Amino acid sequence: MPINQLVMMKLLVNQTVATMGLHSTQILGTVFDGIARHTKEGYAFQRRAAEAGFKEAVRERDEPFGDFGSSTFKG
């Protein structure tokens, strides 16, 4: 792909993402995360993770929802 077309496509994609509200969504996600960590459930999860380990705490948390499969994360 010619570089000028690549630049235009990148601008198009970035503008589309911005228009969809990515920045606002990221800010709101940060606020919600901060609130959720300071609830009874958030503190209970932190205690369980310290006791049993993070992976086990996540497994226990997600198991009732059937969402406890192997991660594809390799990092």
N, C-alpha and C. Protein backbone atom coordinates (compact mmCIF):
# COMPACT_ATOMS: atom_id res chain seq x y z
N MET A 1 0.86 -1.18 0.00
CA MET A 1 0.00 0.00 0.00
C MET A 1 0.90 1.23 0.00
N PRO A 2 0.66 2.15 -0.87
CA PRO A 2 1.45 3.38 -0.88
C PRO A 2 1.31 4.12 0.45
N ILE A 3 2.40 4.77 0.85
CA ILE A 3 2.44 5.43 2.16
C ILE A 3 1.36 6.49 2.31
N ASN A 4 1.06 7.22 1.24
CA ASN A 4 0.03 8.26 1.36
C ASN A 4 -1.35 7.65 1.64
N GLN A 5 -1.63 6.51 1.05
CA GLN A 5 -2.90 5.83 1.32
C GLN A 5 -2.92 5.26 2.74
N LEU A 6 -1.80 4.74 3.20
CA LEU A 6 -1.70 4.23 4.55
C LEU A 6 -1.95 5.34 5.58
N VAL A 7 -1.37 6.50 5.34
CA VAL A 7 -1.58 7.65 6.23
C VAL A 7 -3.05 8.04 6.25
N MET A 8 -3.68 8.08 5.09
CA MET A 8 -5.09 8.45 5.03
C MET A 8 -5.97 7.42 5.75
N MET A 9 -5.68 6.15 5.58
CA MET A 9 -6.45 5.10 6.25
C MET A 9 -6.28 5.19 7.77
N LYS A 10 -5.05 5.46 8.22
CA LYS A 10 -4.80 5.61 9.65
C LYS A 10 -5.58 6.79 10.20
N LEU A 11 -5.59 7.92 9.50
CA LEU A 11 -6.37 9.07 9.92
C LEU A 11 -7.86 8.74 9.98
N LEU A 12 -8.34 8.00 9.00
CA LEU A 12 -9.75 7.61 8.95
C LEU A 12 -10.12 6.74 10.16
N VAL A 13 -9.30 5.74 10.43
CA VAL A 13 -9.56 4.85 11.56
C VAL A 13 -9.49 5.62 12.88
N ASN A 14 -8.46 6.43 13.06
CA ASN A 14 -8.32 7.19 14.29
C ASN A 14 -9.49 8.15 14.50
N GLN A 15 -9.95 8.80 13.44
CA GLN A 15 -11.09 9.72 13.54
C GLN A 15 -12.36 8.94 13.90
N THR A 16 -12.54 7.78 13.32
CA THR A 16 -13.71 6.96 13.64
C THR A 16 -13.72 6.55 15.09
N VAL A 17 -12.59 6.11 15.61
CA VAL A 17 -12.48 5.71 17.01
C VAL A 17 -12.74 6.90 17.92
N ALA A 18 -12.19 8.05 17.59
CA ALA A 18 -12.40 9.25 18.41
C ALA A 18 -13.87 9.64 18.41
N THR A 19 -14.51 9.57 17.26
CA THR A 19 -15.92 9.92 17.16
C THR A 19 -16.79 8.97 17.96
N MET A 20 -16.38 7.73 18.08
CA MET A 20 -17.14 6.74 18.85
C MET A 20 -16.99 6.96 20.35
N GLY A 21 -16.10 7.83 20.76
CA GLY A 21 -15.99 8.17 22.17
C GLY A 21 -14.96 7.36 22.94
N LEU A 22 -13.90 6.94 22.31
CA LEU A 22 -12.88 6.15 22.98
C LEU A 22 -12.31 6.86 24.20
N HIS A 23 -11.95 8.11 24.06
CA HIS A 23 -11.33 8.85 25.17
C HIS A 23 -12.29 8.94 26.36
N SER A 24 -13.54 9.28 26.10
CA SER A 24 -14.53 9.37 27.18
C SER A 24 -14.74 8.02 27.85
N THR A 25 -14.77 6.97 27.05
CA THR A 25 -14.95 5.62 27.58
C THR A 25 -13.78 5.22 28.47
N GLN A 26 -12.57 5.56 28.07
CA GLN A 26 -11.40 5.24 28.87
C GLN A 26 -11.44 5.97 30.21
N ILE A 27 -11.83 7.22 30.21
CA ILE A 27 -11.92 7.98 31.46
C ILE A 27 -12.99 7.39 32.36
N LEU A 28 -14.16 7.09 31.81
CA LEU A 28 -15.24 6.52 32.60
C LEU A 28 -14.86 5.15 33.16
N GLY A 29 -14.17 4.34 32.38
CA GLY A 29 -13.70 3.04 32.84
C GLY A 29 -12.76 3.16 34.02
N THR A 30 -11.88 4.15 33.99
CA THR A 30 -10.95 4.40 35.09
C THR A 30 -11.70 4.80 36.36
N VAL A 31 -12.69 5.65 36.21
CA VAL A 31 -13.50 6.08 37.36
C VAL A 31 -14.25 4.89 37.95
N PHE A 32 -14.91 4.10 37.10
CA PHE A 32 -15.67 2.94 37.59
C PHE A 32 -14.75 1.93 38.27
N ASP A 33 -13.56 1.72 37.73
CA ASP A 33 -12.62 0.79 38.33
C ASP A 33 -12.23 1.26 39.73
N GLY A 34 -11.96 2.56 39.86
CA GLY A 34 -11.62 3.11 41.17
C GLY A 34 -12.74 2.96 42.17
N ILE A 35 -13.97 3.17 41.74
CA ILE A 35 -15.12 3.01 42.63
C ILE A 35 -15.27 1.55 43.04
N ALA A 36 -15.21 0.64 42.07
CA ALA A 36 -15.44 -0.78 42.33
C ALA A 36 -14.39 -1.37 43.28
N ARG A 37 -13.18 -0.88 43.24
CA ARG A 37 -12.13 -1.40 44.12
C ARG A 37 -12.38 -1.05 45.58
N HIS A 38 -13.20 -0.05 45.84
CA HIS A 38 -13.43 0.42 47.20
C HIS A 38 -14.84 0.08 47.68
N THR A 39 -15.30 -1.11 47.30
CA THR A 39 -16.58 -1.62 47.77
C THR A 39 -16.32 -2.86 48.62
N LYS A 40 -17.35 -3.33 49.28
CA LYS A 40 -17.23 -4.55 50.09
C LYS A 40 -16.72 -5.71 49.22
N GLU A 41 -17.28 -5.84 48.03
CA GLU A 41 -16.88 -6.92 47.12
C GLU A 41 -15.45 -6.74 46.63
N GLY A 42 -15.07 -5.51 46.36
CA GLY A 42 -13.71 -5.25 45.90
C GLY A 42 -12.67 -5.60 46.95
N TYR A 43 -12.95 -5.21 48.21
CA TYR A 43 -12.03 -5.55 49.30
C TYR A 43 -11.99 -7.06 49.53
N ALA A 44 -13.14 -7.74 49.41
CA ALA A 44 -13.18 -9.19 49.60
C ALA A 44 -12.34 -9.88 48.52
N PHE A 45 -12.41 -9.40 47.29
CA PHE A 45 -11.62 -9.99 46.21
C PHE A 45 -10.13 -9.79 46.48
N GLN A 46 -9.75 -8.60 46.94
CA GLN A 46 -8.34 -8.34 47.25
C GLN A 46 -7.84 -9.28 48.35
N ARG A 47 -8.65 -9.49 49.38
CA ARG A 47 -8.26 -10.41 50.46
C ARG A 47 -8.09 -11.83 49.93
N ARG A 48 -9.07 -12.27 49.11
CA ARG A 48 -9.01 -13.64 48.57
C ARG A 48 -7.80 -13.81 47.67
N ALA A 49 -7.49 -12.80 46.88
CA ALA A 49 -6.31 -12.88 45.99
C ALA A 49 -5.03 -12.96 46.82
N ALA A 50 -4.97 -12.25 47.93
CA ALA A 50 -3.79 -12.30 48.79
C ALA A 50 -3.67 -13.67 49.45
N GLU A 51 -4.79 -14.28 49.79
CA GLU A 51 -4.79 -15.60 50.46
C GLU A 51 -4.49 -16.74 49.49
N ALA A 52 -5.21 -16.78 48.39
CA ALA A 52 -5.16 -17.93 47.48
C ALA A 52 -4.36 -17.69 46.21
N GLY A 53 -3.97 -16.47 45.97
CA GLY A 53 -3.30 -16.12 44.73
C GLY A 53 -4.29 -15.52 43.74
N PHE A 54 -3.79 -14.66 42.88
CA PHE A 54 -4.65 -13.92 41.96
C PHE A 54 -5.38 -14.85 41.00
N LYS A 55 -4.67 -15.82 40.41
CA LYS A 55 -5.31 -16.71 39.43
C LYS A 55 -6.45 -17.49 40.05
N GLU A 56 -6.25 -17.99 41.27
CA GLU A 56 -7.30 -18.75 41.94
C GLU A 56 -8.49 -17.85 42.28
N ALA A 57 -8.23 -16.64 42.72
CA ALA A 57 -9.32 -15.71 43.04
C ALA A 57 -10.14 -15.39 41.79
N VAL A 58 -9.48 -15.19 40.67
CA VAL A 58 -10.18 -14.92 39.42
C VAL A 58 -10.98 -16.14 38.99
N ARG A 59 -10.39 -17.33 39.11
CA ARG A 59 -11.10 -18.56 38.75
C ARG A 59 -12.38 -18.70 39.58
N GLU A 60 -12.26 -18.50 40.89
CA GLU A 60 -13.41 -18.60 41.77
C GLU A 60 -14.47 -17.55 41.43
N ARG A 61 -14.01 -16.35 41.11
CA ARG A 61 -14.93 -15.27 40.76
C ARG A 61 -15.70 -15.56 39.48
N ASP A 62 -14.99 -16.09 38.48
CA ASP A 62 -15.59 -16.27 37.16
C ASP A 62 -16.31 -17.60 36.99
N GLU A 63 -16.00 -18.59 37.80
CA GLU A 63 -16.56 -19.94 37.62
C GLU A 63 -18.08 -19.97 37.55
N PRO A 64 -18.81 -19.26 38.41
CA PRO A 64 -20.28 -19.32 38.32
C PRO A 64 -20.85 -18.85 36.98
N PHE A 65 -20.07 -18.09 36.24
CA PHE A 65 -20.53 -17.55 34.96
C PHE A 65 -20.03 -18.36 33.78
N GLY A 66 -19.27 -19.42 34.04
CA GLY A 66 -18.74 -20.23 32.96
C GLY A 66 -17.66 -19.51 32.17
N ASP A 67 -17.01 -18.53 32.79
CA ASP A 67 -16.01 -17.72 32.10
C ASP A 67 -14.64 -17.91 32.75
N PHE A 68 -14.20 -19.15 32.79
CA PHE A 68 -12.94 -19.41 33.49
C PHE A 68 -11.98 -20.22 32.63
N GLY A 69 -12.08 -20.06 31.30
CA GLY A 69 -11.21 -20.78 30.40
C GLY A 69 -9.80 -20.26 30.42
N SER A 70 -8.92 -20.97 29.77
CA SER A 70 -7.52 -20.58 29.71
C SER A 70 -7.37 -19.26 28.97
N SER A 71 -6.50 -18.42 29.46
CA SER A 71 -6.23 -17.16 28.81
C SER A 71 -5.35 -17.38 27.59
N THR A 72 -5.50 -16.53 26.62
CA THR A 72 -4.62 -16.57 25.44
C THR A 72 -3.47 -15.58 25.60
N PHE A 73 -3.43 -14.88 26.76
CA PHE A 73 -2.39 -13.90 27.01
C PHE A 73 -1.04 -14.60 27.14
N LYS A 74 -0.04 -14.13 26.42
CA LYS A 74 1.28 -14.78 26.42
C LYS A 74 2.33 -13.94 27.10
N GLY A 75 1.96 -12.77 27.66
CA GLY A 75 2.94 -11.85 28.20
C GLY A 75 3.31 -12.04 29.61
